[in-house]
Amino acid sequence: MSEPTTNHLGSEETSNEAMEFTGEESLDSQITPAQDLGSACVIGALAVFVMIMSVQLDSPGDVFTAPGLLPFIISVSLLLMAILLGFKSLQTGGARQFTTAFKLAVKNYFSDELERRSILLIVIVIAYVVLVDIISFDFRLPTRLFIVQLSGYEIISILVTTLILKLFWKKSLVRCFIISLLIIEVLASIFRYGFSILMPESF
């Protein structure tokens, strides 16, 4: 008695029919009105920023030869599209969903330790820029070989780099300070004595 034969070709055709091709068009069903509203806000803010920056560019001739004319026109078109996208998302309830999605995103963001550390790093960098701009001094110690210079930029950079290494590298404070001191002073010496480039607060 012969064994029944299985049709492998038929099974392959059945499996191929079961597989559904997902193209770019299917992504539209996954985008929510809240995501459209968020995209509209980001694109609109970016368009306004570029418009302001393009207007501030100097124009050597008339308005038709201004270097900021093309980015201004592109920004206006992006702003109009962002307004239309935002209006469409608001009609479909994007504002209500956006508030809920935003609260959930913020909650998830701050619940993650890595995200909290990234926010802390951003705050430290902003504080570093502000301190470099506010604190300004230049200490000079003449020696027989050369004049040792120490600026406020170096002091602040050493302290901030030590803090960042302590938070993210999690080694001893002394090791973080020594590494920060060596890195900042080597870089400052290369630019100051090698390339003759003045460091901040050194001019």
Protein backbone atom coordinates (compact mmCIF):
# COMPACT_ATOMS: atom_id res chain seq x y z
CA MET A 1 0.00 0.00 0.00
CA SER A 2 1.52 3.27 -1.08
CA GLU A 3 1.83 6.15 1.38
CA PRO A 4 -0.19 9.29 0.62
CA THR A 5 1.88 11.98 -0.97
CA THR A 6 1.92 15.47 0.45
CA ASN A 7 1.75 18.44 -1.86
CA HIS A 8 4.62 20.66 -0.74
CA LEU A 9 3.80 23.18 -3.45
CA GLY A 10 0.30 23.61 -2.14
CA SER A 11 1.50 24.12 1.42
CA GLU A 12 3.97 26.75 0.26
CA GLU A 13 1.22 28.56 -1.65
CA THR A 14 -0.99 28.48 1.44
CA SER A 15 1.80 29.90 3.62
CA ASN A 16 2.53 32.59 1.05
CA GLU A 17 -1.13 33.56 1.00
CA ALA A 18 -1.12 33.74 4.79
CA MET A 19 1.80 36.16 4.71
CA GLU A 20 0.70 39.74 4.35
CA PHE A 21 3.02 42.31 2.84
CA THR A 22 3.35 45.45 4.89
CA GLY A 23 4.17 48.48 2.82
CA GLU A 24 4.66 52.14 3.63
CA GLU A 25 0.93 52.78 3.19
CA SER A 26 0.11 50.63 6.21
CA LEU A 27 2.07 52.92 8.49
CA ASP A 28 -0.67 55.53 8.24
CA SER A 29 -2.98 53.37 10.33
CA GLN A 30 -0.39 53.22 13.12
CA ILE A 31 0.04 57.01 13.42
CA THR A 32 -2.30 58.54 15.97
CA PRO A 33 -3.69 62.10 15.91
CA ALA A 34 -1.60 62.85 19.00
CA GLN A 35 1.57 61.95 17.10
CA ASP A 36 0.45 64.17 14.22
CA LEU A 37 -0.07 67.04 16.64
CA GLY A 38 3.35 66.53 18.19
CA SER A 39 4.98 66.43 14.76
CA ALA A 40 3.16 69.61 13.77
CA CYS A 41 4.41 71.41 16.88
CA VAL A 42 8.02 70.36 16.31
CA ILE A 43 7.98 71.19 12.59
CA GLY A 44 6.26 74.52 13.24
CA ALA A 45 8.75 75.54 15.92
CA LEU A 46 11.67 74.58 13.68
CA ALA A 47 10.17 76.51 10.76
CA VAL A 48 9.71 79.65 12.87
CA PHE A 49 13.28 79.39 14.18
CA VAL A 50 14.72 79.10 10.66
CA MET A 51 12.56 82.01 9.49
CA ILE A 52 13.92 84.24 12.26
CA MET A 53 17.51 83.22 11.55
CA SER A 54 17.10 83.73 7.79
CA VAL A 55 15.70 87.23 8.28
CA GLN A 56 18.70 88.18 10.43
CA LEU A 57 21.17 87.31 7.64
CA ASP A 58 22.81 90.31 6.02
CA SER A 59 21.69 91.08 2.47
CA PRO A 60 24.33 92.68 0.22
CA GLY A 61 21.74 93.62 -2.41
CA ASP A 62 17.97 93.63 -2.75
CA VAL A 63 15.59 91.09 -1.27
CA PHE A 64 15.79 88.81 -4.31
CA THR A 65 19.53 88.23 -3.78
CA ALA A 66 19.32 87.83 0.01
CA PRO A 67 21.01 84.62 1.26
CA GLY A 68 18.11 83.93 3.59
CA LEU A 69 15.42 84.08 0.89
CA LEU A 70 15.42 80.36 0.03
CA PRO A 71 15.42 79.05 3.65
CA PHE A 72 12.71 81.61 4.46
CA ILE A 73 10.44 80.37 1.65
CA ILE A 74 11.05 76.73 2.61
CA SER A 75 10.30 77.54 6.25
CA VAL A 76 7.06 79.29 5.33
CA SER A 77 5.93 76.24 3.35
CA LEU A 78 6.86 73.95 6.27
CA LEU A 79 4.98 76.20 8.68
CA LEU A 80 1.85 76.11 6.50
CA MET A 81 2.02 72.31 6.29
CA ALA A 82 2.53 72.09 10.07
CA ILE A 83 -0.52 74.31 10.64
CA LEU A 84 -2.66 72.15 8.34
CA LEU A 85 -1.42 68.97 10.00
CA GLY A 86 -2.08 70.38 13.46
CA PHE A 87 -5.57 71.56 12.50
CA LYS A 88 -6.40 68.13 11.08
CA SER A 89 -5.13 66.36 14.21
CA LEU A 90 -7.15 68.69 16.44
CA GLN A 91 -10.31 67.84 14.52
CA THR A 92 -9.74 64.14 15.21
CA GLY A 93 -9.18 64.62 18.93
CA GLY A 94 -5.41 64.94 18.87
CA ALA A 95 -5.32 67.46 21.73
CA ARG A 96 -6.96 65.09 24.20
CA GLN A 97 -4.81 62.15 23.12
CA PHE A 98 -1.72 64.34 23.02
CA THR A 99 -2.15 65.36 26.67
CA THR A 100 -2.54 61.74 27.75
CA ALA A 101 0.36 60.55 25.61
CA PHE A 102 2.56 63.41 26.82
CA LYS A 103 1.90 62.65 30.48
CA LEU A 104 2.61 58.97 29.90
CA ALA A 105 5.83 59.76 28.02
CA VAL A 106 7.02 62.09 30.78
CA LYS A 107 6.23 59.48 33.44
CA ASN A 108 8.10 56.76 31.58
CA TYR A 109 10.99 59.12 30.84
CA PHE A 110 11.61 60.09 34.44
CA SER A 111 11.11 56.54 35.69
CA ASP A 112 14.14 55.40 33.68
CA GLU A 113 17.47 55.92 35.43
CA LEU A 114 19.35 56.43 32.16
CA GLU A 115 16.95 59.15 31.07
CA ARG A 116 17.22 60.92 34.42
CA ARG A 117 21.00 60.90 34.12
CA SER A 118 20.77 62.34 30.62
CA ILE A 119 18.65 65.22 31.93
CA LEU A 120 21.19 65.79 34.69
CA LEU A 121 23.96 65.87 32.09
CA ILE A 122 22.09 68.50 30.07
CA VAL A 123 21.67 70.63 33.22
CA ILE A 124 25.38 70.30 34.01
CA VAL A 125 26.38 71.33 30.48
CA ILE A 126 24.09 74.39 30.59
CA ALA A 127 25.48 75.37 33.98
CA TYR A 128 29.01 74.90 32.61
CA VAL A 129 28.36 77.28 29.71
CA VAL A 130 26.84 79.87 32.05
CA LEU A 131 29.73 79.64 34.54
CA VAL A 132 32.35 80.00 31.81
CA ASP A 133 30.60 83.13 30.61
CA ILE A 134 30.21 84.63 34.10
CA ILE A 135 33.48 83.72 35.84
CA SER A 136 36.48 85.36 34.22
CA PHE A 137 40.02 85.50 35.57
CA ASP A 138 43.50 84.82 34.27
CA PHE A 139 46.20 83.73 36.73
CA ARG A 140 49.80 83.98 35.51
CA LEU A 141 52.84 82.57 37.31
CA PRO A 142 56.17 83.46 35.65
CA THR A 143 58.88 80.79 35.83
CA ARG A 144 62.38 80.47 34.37
CA LEU A 145 61.15 78.46 31.38
CA PHE A 146 57.75 79.94 30.61
CA ILE A 147 54.76 81.67 32.14
CA VAL A 148 52.27 79.29 33.69
CA GLN A 149 48.74 80.43 32.88
CA LEU A 150 45.55 79.29 34.56
CA SER A 151 42.21 80.68 33.46
CA GLY A 152 38.71 80.43 34.84
CA TYR A 153 37.83 78.25 31.86
CA GLU A 154 40.30 75.60 33.01
CA ILE A 155 39.15 75.65 36.64
CA ILE A 156 35.48 75.33 35.70
CA SER A 157 36.22 72.65 33.09
CA ILE A 158 38.18 70.58 35.59
CA LEU A 159 35.45 70.78 38.22
CA VAL A 160 32.61 70.04 35.77
CA THR A 161 34.49 67.16 34.12
CA THR A 162 35.22 65.71 37.54
CA LEU A 163 31.54 65.86 38.41
CA ILE A 164 30.52 64.18 35.14
CA LEU A 165 33.10 61.42 35.59
CA LYS A 166 31.96 60.85 39.17
CA LEU A 167 28.30 60.57 38.13
CA PHE A 168 28.72 58.35 35.08
CA TRP A 169 32.04 56.55 35.62
CA LYS A 170 31.35 56.12 39.35
CA LYS A 171 34.99 55.88 40.38
CA SER A 172 36.64 57.58 43.33
CA LEU A 173 36.54 61.36 43.45
CA VAL A 174 40.34 61.56 43.54
CA ARG A 175 40.73 59.45 40.40
CA CYS A 176 38.08 61.46 38.57
CA PHE A 177 39.79 64.72 39.58
CA ILE A 178 43.24 63.55 38.50
CA ILE A 179 41.99 62.36 35.10
CA SER A 180 40.01 65.56 34.58
CA LEU A 181 43.01 67.68 35.57
CA LEU A 182 45.34 65.87 33.17
CA ILE A 183 42.92 65.97 30.23
CA ILE A 184 42.00 69.66 30.58
CA GLU A 185 45.55 70.85 31.19
CA VAL A 186 46.99 68.81 28.31
CA LEU A 187 44.39 70.16 25.91
CA ALA A 188 44.78 73.72 27.19
CA SER A 189 48.57 73.51 26.92
CA ILE A 190 48.40 72.15 23.37
CA PHE A 191 46.18 74.98 22.20
CA ARG A 192 47.87 77.71 24.25
CA TYR A 193 51.56 76.85 23.75
CA GLY A 194 51.49 74.60 20.68
CA PHE A 195 49.00 76.40 18.40
CA SER A 196 49.21 79.80 20.15
CA ILE A 197 45.41 79.89 20.47
CA LEU A 198 44.17 81.83 23.46
CA MET A 199 41.78 80.01 25.74
CA PRO A 200 38.59 81.69 27.04
CA GLU A 201 39.25 84.37 29.67
CA SER A 202 42.89 84.43 28.52
CA PHE A 203 42.70 87.56 26.37
